[in-house]
């Protein structure tokens, strides 16, 4: 199974941001990520002015 979160590119889209966070939380739970790894991986998938 491949876990590939969508990239969040910023902008003013609160609904898109919430959906993106929910997707990441599901992936992090499946991977058994620590809080530290969640931060590192979350920052990695942020793009542009996010």
PDB file of N, CA and C in Angstrom:
ATOM      1  N   UNK A   1       0.846  -1.180   0.000  1.00  0.00           N
ATOM      2  CA  UNK A   1       0.000   0.000   0.000  1.00  0.00           C
ATOM      3  C   UNK A   1       0.886   1.237   0.000  1.00  0.00           C
ATOM      4  N   UNK A   2       0.577   2.162  -0.853  1.00  0.00           N
ATOM      5  CA  UNK A   2       1.367   3.387  -0.957  1.00  0.00           C
ATOM      6  C   UNK A   2       0.631   4.537  -0.292  1.00  0.00           C
ATOM      7  N   UNK A   3       1.342   5.300   0.522  1.00  0.00           N
ATOM      8  CA  UNK A   3       0.770   6.478   1.175  1.00  0.00           C
ATOM      9  C   UNK A   3       1.379   7.697   0.521  1.00  0.00           C
ATOM     10  N   UNK A   4       0.590   8.431  -0.232  1.00  0.00           N
ATOM     11  CA  UNK A   4       1.108   9.628  -0.876  1.00  0.00           C
ATOM     12  C   UNK A   4       0.129  10.771  -0.628  1.00  0.00           C
ATOM     13  N   UNK A   5       0.421  11.631   0.356  1.00  0.00           N
ATOM     14  CA  UNK A   5      -0.492  12.738   0.636  1.00  0.00           C
ATOM     15  C   UNK A   5      -0.464  13.769  -0.480  1.00  0.00           C
ATOM     16  N   UNK A   6      -1.571  14.457  -0.623  1.00  0.00           N
ATOM     17  CA  UNK A   6      -1.604  15.548  -1.580  1.00  0.00           C
ATOM     18  C   UNK A   6      -0.719  16.676  -1.063  1.00  0.00           C
ATOM     19  N   UNK A   7      -0.220  17.487  -1.956  1.00  0.00           N
ATOM     20  CA  UNK A   7       0.573  18.646  -1.561  1.00  0.00           C
ATOM     21  C   UNK A   7      -0.366  19.794  -1.261  1.00  0.00           C
ATOM     22  N   UNK A   8      -0.102  20.508  -0.193  1.00  0.00           N
ATOM     23  CA  UNK A   8      -0.888  21.692   0.125  1.00  0.00           C
ATOM     24  C   UNK A   8      -0.079  22.893  -0.312  1.00  0.00           C
ATOM     25  N   UNK A   9      -0.622  23.665  -1.261  1.00  0.00           N
ATOM     26  CA  UNK A   9       0.135  24.775  -1.828  1.00  0.00           C
ATOM     27  C   UNK A   9      -0.280  26.126  -1.272  1.00  0.00           C
ATOM     28  N   UNK A  10      -1.085  26.136  -0.238  1.00  0.00           N
ATOM     29  CA  UNK A  10      -1.437  27.391   0.402  1.00  0.00           C
ATOM     30  C   UNK A  10      -2.624  28.067  -0.224  1.00  0.00           C
ATOM     31  N   UNK A  11      -2.627  29.380  -0.132  1.00  0.00           N
ATOM     32  CA  UNK A  11      -3.771  30.133  -0.597  1.00  0.00           C
ATOM     33  C   UNK A  11      -4.845  30.150   0.477  1.00  0.00           C
ATOM     34  N   UNK A  12      -5.899  30.905   0.222  1.00  0.00           N
ATOM     35  CA  UNK A  12      -6.975  30.992   1.208  1.00  0.00           C
ATOM     36  C   UNK A  12      -8.041  29.974   0.853  1.00  0.00           C
ATOM     37  N   UNK A  13      -7.930  28.809   1.440  1.00  0.00           N
ATOM     38  CA  UNK A  13      -8.882  27.738   1.211  1.00  0.00           C
ATOM     39  C   UNK A  13      -9.006  26.923   2.491  1.00  0.00           C
ATOM     40  N   UNK A  14      -9.766  27.420   3.469  1.00  0.00           N
ATOM     41  CA  UNK A  14      -9.872  26.719   4.746  1.00  0.00           C
ATOM     42  C   UNK A  14     -10.368  25.284   4.612  1.00  0.00           C
ATOM     43  N   UNK A  15     -11.328  25.053   3.734  1.00  0.00           N
ATOM     44  CA  UNK A  15     -11.850  23.695   3.567  1.00  0.00           C
ATOM     45  C   UNK A  15     -10.778  22.768   3.003  1.00  0.00           C
ATOM     46  N   UNK A  16      -9.992  23.275   2.059  1.00  0.00           N
ATOM     47  CA  UNK A  16      -8.901  22.479   1.501  1.00  0.00           C
ATOM     48  C   UNK A  16      -7.848  22.161   2.546  1.00  0.00           C
ATOM     49  N   UNK A  17      -7.554  23.122   3.405  1.00  0.00           N
ATOM     50  CA  UNK A  17      -6.559  22.912   4.462  1.00  0.00           C
ATOM     51  C   UNK A  17      -7.033  21.860   5.458  1.00  0.00           C
ATOM     52  N   UNK A  18      -8.297  21.921   5.835  1.00  0.00           N
ATOM     53  CA  UNK A  18      -8.847  20.942   6.780  1.00  0.00           C
ATOM     54  C   UNK A  18      -8.800  19.540   6.173  1.00  0.00           C
ATOM     55  N   UNK A  19      -9.197  19.422   4.914  1.00  0.00           N
ATOM     56  CA  UNK A  19      -9.174  18.120   4.238  1.00  0.00           C
ATOM     57  C   UNK A  19      -7.749  17.587   4.169  1.00  0.00           C
ATOM     58  N   UNK A  20      -6.793  18.460   3.860  1.00  0.00           N
ATOM     59  CA  UNK A  20      -5.393  18.062   3.763  1.00  0.00           C
ATOM     60  C   UNK A  20      -4.887  17.540   5.113  1.00  0.00           C
ATOM     61  N   UNK A  21      -5.211  18.244   6.186  1.00  0.00           N
ATOM     62  CA  UNK A  21      -4.789  17.822   7.530  1.00  0.00           C
ATOM     63  C   UNK A  21      -5.404  16.476   7.888  1.00  0.00           C
ATOM     64  N   UNK A  22      -6.681  16.296   7.578  1.00  0.00           N
ATOM     65  CA  UNK A  22      -7.342  15.023   7.871  1.00  0.00           C
ATOM     66  C   UNK A  22      -6.685  13.870   7.114  1.00  0.00           C
ATOM     67  N   UNK A  23      -6.317  14.099   5.850  1.00  0.00           N
ATOM     68  CA  UNK A  23      -5.631  13.067   5.067  1.00  0.00           C
ATOM     69  C   UNK A  23      -4.290  12.713   5.698  1.00  0.00           C
ATOM     70  N   UNK A  24      -3.552  13.733   6.117  1.00  0.00           N
ATOM     71  CA  UNK A  24      -2.259  13.481   6.756  1.00  0.00           C
ATOM     72  C   UNK A  24      -2.423  12.706   8.057  1.00  0.00           C
ATOM     73  N   UNK A  25      -3.422  13.046   8.854  1.00  0.00           N
ATOM     74  CA  UNK A  25      -3.630  12.355  10.124  1.00  0.00           C
ATOM     75  C   UNK A  25      -3.910  10.871   9.907  1.00  0.00           C
ATOM     76  N   UNK A  26      -4.671  10.544   8.869  1.00  0.00           N
ATOM     77  CA  UNK A  26      -4.961   9.142   8.558  1.00  0.00           C
ATOM     78  C   UNK A  26      -3.675   8.409   8.184  1.00  0.00           C
ATOM     79  N   UNK A  27      -2.863   9.046   7.355  1.00  0.00           N
ATOM     80  CA  UNK A  27      -1.599   8.433   6.936  1.00  0.00           C
ATOM     81  C   UNK A  27      -0.658   8.276   8.126  1.00  0.00           C
ATOM     82  N   UNK A  28      -0.539   9.313   8.955  1.00  0.00           N
ATOM     83  CA  UNK A  28       0.342   9.238  10.120  1.00  0.00           C
ATOM     84  C   UNK A  28      -0.087   8.117  11.063  1.00  0.00           C
ATOM     85  N   UNK A  29      -1.378   7.964  11.262  1.00  0.00           N
ATOM     86  CA  UNK A  29      -1.889   6.904  12.133  1.00  0.00           C
ATOM     87  C   UNK A  29      -1.525   5.538  11.563  1.00  0.00           C
ATOM     88  N   UNK A  30      -1.707   5.361  10.263  1.00  0.00           N
ATOM     89  CA  UNK A  30      -1.393   4.080   9.624  1.00  0.00           C
ATOM     90  C   UNK A  30       0.096   3.761   9.711  1.00  0.00           C
ATOM     91  N   UNK A  31       0.922   4.803   9.664  1.00  0.00           N
ATOM     92  CA  UNK A  31       2.374   4.616   9.713  1.00  0.00           C
ATOM     93  C   UNK A  31       2.901   4.503  11.138  1.00  0.00           C
ATOM     94  N   UNK A  32       2.081   4.827  12.125  1.00  0.00           N
ATOM     95  CA  UNK A  32       2.535   4.797  13.513  1.00  0.00           C
ATOM     96  C   UNK A  32       3.577   5.861  13.808  1.00  0.00           C
ATOM     97  N   UNK A  33       3.413   7.047  13.221  1.00  0.00           N
ATOM     98  CA  UNK A  33       4.387   8.138  13.370  1.00  0.00           C
ATOM     99  C   UNK A  33       4.404   8.712  14.779  1.00  0.00           C
ATOM    100  N   UNK A  34       5.597   9.084  15.218  1.00  0.00           N
ATOM    101  CA  UNK A  34       5.729   9.837  16.460  1.00  0.00           C
ATOM    102  C   UNK A  34       5.354  11.291  16.177  1.00  0.00           C
ATOM    103  N   UNK A  35       5.144  12.068  17.223  1.00  0.00           N
ATOM    104  CA  UNK A  35       4.818  13.489  17.039  1.00  0.00           C
ATOM    105  C   UNK A  35       5.941  14.213  16.302  1.00  0.00           C
ATOM    106  N   UNK A  36       7.180  13.860  16.617  1.00  0.00           N
ATOM    107  CA  UNK A  36       8.322  14.490  15.949  1.00  0.00           C
ATOM    108  C   UNK A  36       8.307  14.183  14.446  1.00  0.00           C
ATOM    109  N   UNK A  37       8.063  12.933  14.090  1.00  0.00           N
ATOM    110  CA  UNK A  37       8.021  12.571  12.674  1.00  0.00           C
ATOM    111  C   UNK A  37       6.833  13.203  11.963  1.00  0.00           C
ATOM    112  N   UNK A  38       5.721  13.362  12.662  1.00  0.00           N
ATOM    113  CA  UNK A  38       4.556  14.027  12.057  1.00  0.00           C
ATOM    114  C   UNK A  38       4.923  15.451  11.647  1.00  0.00           C
ATOM    115  N   UNK A  39       5.649  16.139  12.515  1.00  0.00           N
ATOM    116  CA  UNK A  39       6.065  17.512  12.217  1.00  0.00           C
ATOM    117  C   UNK A  39       7.005  17.546  11.018  1.00  0.00           C
ATOM    118  N   UNK A  40       7.985  16.676  11.026  1.00  0.00           N
ATOM    119  CA  UNK A  40       8.958  16.638   9.928  1.00  0.00           C
ATOM    120  C   UNK A  40       8.268  16.324   8.606  1.00  0.00           C
ATOM    121  N   UNK A  41       7.434  15.309   8.585  1.00  0.00           N
ATOM    122  CA  UNK A  41       6.760  14.918   7.350  1.00  0.00           C
ATOM    123  C   UNK A  41       5.729  15.950   6.914  1.00  0.00           C
ATOM    124  N   UNK A  42       5.033  16.556   7.873  1.00  0.00           N
ATOM    125  CA  UNK A  42       4.058  17.596   7.545  1.00  0.00           C
ATOM    126  C   UNK A  42       4.705  18.790   6.874  1.00  0.00           C
ATOM    127  N   UNK A  43       5.834  19.219   7.392  1.00  0.00           N
ATOM    128  CA  UNK A  43       6.561  20.343   6.795  1.00  0.00           C
ATOM    129  C   UNK A  43       7.046  19.971   5.398  1.00  0.00           C
ATOM    130  N   UNK A  44       7.448  18.729   5.224  1.00  0.00           N
ATOM    131  CA  UNK A  44       7.961  18.277   3.932  1.00  0.00           C
ATOM    132  C   UNK A  44       6.921  18.416   2.818  1.00  0.00           C
ATOM    133  N   UNK A  45       5.649  18.174   3.119  1.00  0.00           N
ATOM    134  CA  UNK A  45       4.625  18.226   2.072  1.00  0.00           C
ATOM    135  C   UNK A  45       3.981  19.608   1.927  1.00  0.00           C
ATOM    136  N   UNK A  46       4.417  20.584   2.716  1.00  0.00           N
ATOM    137  CA  UNK A  46       3.954  21.958   2.517  1.00  0.00           C
ATOM    138  C   UNK A  46       4.697  22.573   1.339  1.00  0.00           C
ATOM    139  N   UNK A  47       4.015  23.372   0.554  1.00  0.00           N
ATOM    140  CA  UNK A  47       4.637  24.002  -0.605  1.00  0.00           C
ATOM    141  C   UNK A  47       4.245  25.471  -0.686  1.00  0.00           C
ATOM    142  N   UNK A  48       5.088  26.252  -1.284  1.00  0.00           N
ATOM    143  CA  UNK A  48       4.868  27.664  -1.568  1.00  0.00           C
ATOM    144  C   UNK A  48       4.512  28.447  -0.318  1.00  0.00           C
ATOM    145  N   UNK A  49       3.372  29.143  -0.297  1.00  0.00           N
ATOM    146  CA  UNK A  49       3.016  30.036   0.805  1.00  0.00           C
ATOM    147  C   UNK A  49       2.140  29.369   1.843  1.00  0.00           C
ATOM    148  N   UNK A  50       2.214  28.080   1.967  1.00  0.00           N
ATOM    149  CA  UNK A  50       1.358  27.359   2.909  1.00  0.00           C
ATOM    150  C   UNK A  50       1.703  27.735   4.329  1.00  0.00           C
TER     151      UNK A  50
END
